[in-house]
Protein backbone atom coordinates (compact mmCIF):
# COMPACT_ATOMS: atom_id res chain seq x y z
CA VAL A 1 3.55 -9.53 -11.83
CA GLU A 2 6.97 -7.87 -11.71
CA TRP A 3 6.39 -4.25 -10.60
CA GLU A 4 4.26 -2.34 -8.15
CA THR A 5 2.81 1.13 -8.72
CA THR A 6 3.70 3.89 -6.27
CA LEU A 7 1.50 6.96 -6.10
CA LEU A 8 3.10 9.99 -4.55
CA VAL A 9 0.62 12.63 -3.42
CA GLY A 10 1.28 15.33 -0.91
CA ASP A 11 1.15 18.96 -0.02
CA VAL A 12 4.45 18.96 1.86
CA GLU A 13 7.87 17.78 0.67
CA PHE A 14 9.22 15.08 2.98
CA HIS A 15 12.67 14.80 1.39
CA GLN A 16 14.59 15.45 -1.82
CA SER A 17 16.67 12.99 -3.82
CA LYS A 18 18.38 12.98 -7.21
CA ASP A 19 15.02 11.79 -8.61
CA GLY A 20 13.17 14.82 -7.26
CA PRO A 21 11.04 15.71 -4.27
CA TYR A 22 9.15 13.05 -2.34
CA PRO A 23 5.89 14.19 -0.75
CA ASP A 24 4.79 13.31 2.75
CA HIS A 25 2.11 10.83 1.60
CA GLN A 26 2.40 7.82 -0.63
CA MET A 27 0.41 4.76 -1.54
CA ARG A 28 1.99 1.71 -3.12
CA ILE A 29 -0.36 -0.70 -4.84
CA SER A 30 0.20 -4.08 -6.38
CA VAL A 31 -2.62 -5.78 -8.26
CA ARG A 32 -2.89 -9.25 -9.77
CA PRO A 33 -6.18 -9.13 -11.74
CA SER A 34 -6.06 -12.87 -12.48
CA THR A 35 -6.46 -13.59 -8.75
CA GLY A 36 -8.83 -10.73 -7.93
CA TYR A 37 -6.49 -9.46 -5.20
CA ALA A 38 -4.35 -6.42 -4.53
CA ALA A 39 -2.15 -5.17 -1.69
CA LEU A 40 -1.57 -1.64 -0.44
CA HIS A 41 1.24 0.04 1.44
CA TYR A 42 0.53 3.41 3.02
CA THR A 43 3.11 5.98 4.13
CA ASP A 44 2.33 9.21 5.96
CA THR A 45 5.40 10.67 7.62
CA SER A 46 3.29 12.80 9.97
CA ASP A 47 1.10 9.95 11.28
CA PRO A 48 2.30 9.27 14.85
CA GLU A 49 0.31 6.02 15.20
CA MET A 50 1.29 4.17 12.06
CA SER A 51 3.51 6.04 9.60
CA MET A 52 3.93 2.94 7.40
CA ALA A 53 1.32 0.22 7.06
CA ASN A 54 0.25 -2.65 4.82
CA SER A 55 -3.31 -3.60 4.02
CA HIS A 56 -4.43 -6.52 6.13
CA ASN A 57 -6.90 -9.29 5.39
CA PRO A 58 -8.07 -10.85 8.68
CA SER A 59 -9.60 -13.81 6.82
CA PRO A 60 -6.90 -16.24 5.68
CA LEU A 61 -7.01 -16.96 1.96
CA SER A 62 -7.13 -20.55 0.77
CA MET A 63 -3.96 -19.87 -1.24
CA ASN A 64 -0.95 -17.65 -0.68
CA ILE A 65 -0.89 -14.74 -3.09
CA TYR A 66 2.43 -12.95 -3.30
CA LEU A 67 2.08 -9.47 -4.73
CA VAL A 68 5.14 -7.41 -5.65
CA PHE A 69 6.16 -4.86 -3.04
CA ASN A 70 9.32 -3.67 -4.79
CA GLY A 71 10.20 -4.80 -8.28
CA SER A 72 13.77 -3.51 -7.92
CA THR A 73 14.53 -5.80 -4.99
CA GLY A 74 12.05 -8.60 -5.60
CA ALA A 75 10.36 -7.99 -2.24
CA VAL A 76 6.75 -9.15 -1.96
CA PHE A 77 3.88 -8.24 0.33
CA PRO A 78 3.07 -10.78 3.03
CA PRO A 79 0.11 -12.98 1.96
CA THR A 80 -2.00 -11.39 4.72
CA ALA A 81 -1.84 -8.06 2.83
CA ALA A 82 -3.92 -9.44 -0.08
CA ILE A 83 -7.37 -7.82 -0.19
CA PRO A 84 -10.05 -7.92 -2.89
CA VAL A 85 -9.40 -5.53 -5.78
CA GLU A 86 -12.71 -3.75 -5.13
CA ASP A 87 -11.63 -2.95 -1.55
CA ALA A 88 -8.25 -1.70 -2.77
CA ARG A 89 -9.96 0.56 -5.32
CA ARG A 90 -12.26 2.02 -2.66
CA ALA A 91 -9.29 2.57 -0.33
CA LEU A 92 -7.34 4.32 -3.08
CA TYR A 93 -10.23 6.69 -3.84
CA GLU A 94 -10.67 7.43 -0.14
CA TRP A 95 -6.97 8.18 0.24
CA LEU A 96 -6.93 10.51 -2.75
CA ARG A 97 -9.96 12.34 -1.39
CA THR A 98 -8.85 12.63 2.27
CA ARG A 99 -5.04 12.27 2.24
CA GLN A 100 -5.50 10.03 5.30
CA ARG A 101 -5.08 6.29 5.81
CA PRO A 102 -8.32 4.75 4.46
CA THR A 103 -10.65 3.56 7.19
CA HIS A 104 -12.80 0.92 5.48
CA ILE A 105 -10.00 -1.67 5.27
CA GLU A 106 -7.79 -3.06 8.00
CA TRP A 107 -4.12 -2.13 8.30
CA ARG A 108 -1.12 -3.71 9.98
CA PRO A 109 2.08 -1.79 10.79
CA TYR A 110 4.73 -2.32 8.13
CA GLY A 111 7.13 -5.11 9.07
CA ARG A 112 4.66 -6.84 11.38
CA ASP A 113 3.46 -9.70 9.21
């Protein structure tokens, strides 16, 4: 409930920091098993259509679920980013296999809640 997990996978270095190289693809995931929901944030610096995106649930939930986006800052995903854990798992596997934004869930550009 306090920290997200960021997976960094890539074949090309996007930039370097004191913490090491950052690849050109990343997936941030926040899961709250007690609710059955998760949220994803996708980054692909070479994607001209949507380089940063959040998962999007087009069906409003009966309750707002706030999943951690950044534990360092306390930022949370918008409630519309909450998708069922099973869908998040499938999206994660697809992303690891293809290195592309998963296609079986909906996405919304980052910052457009």
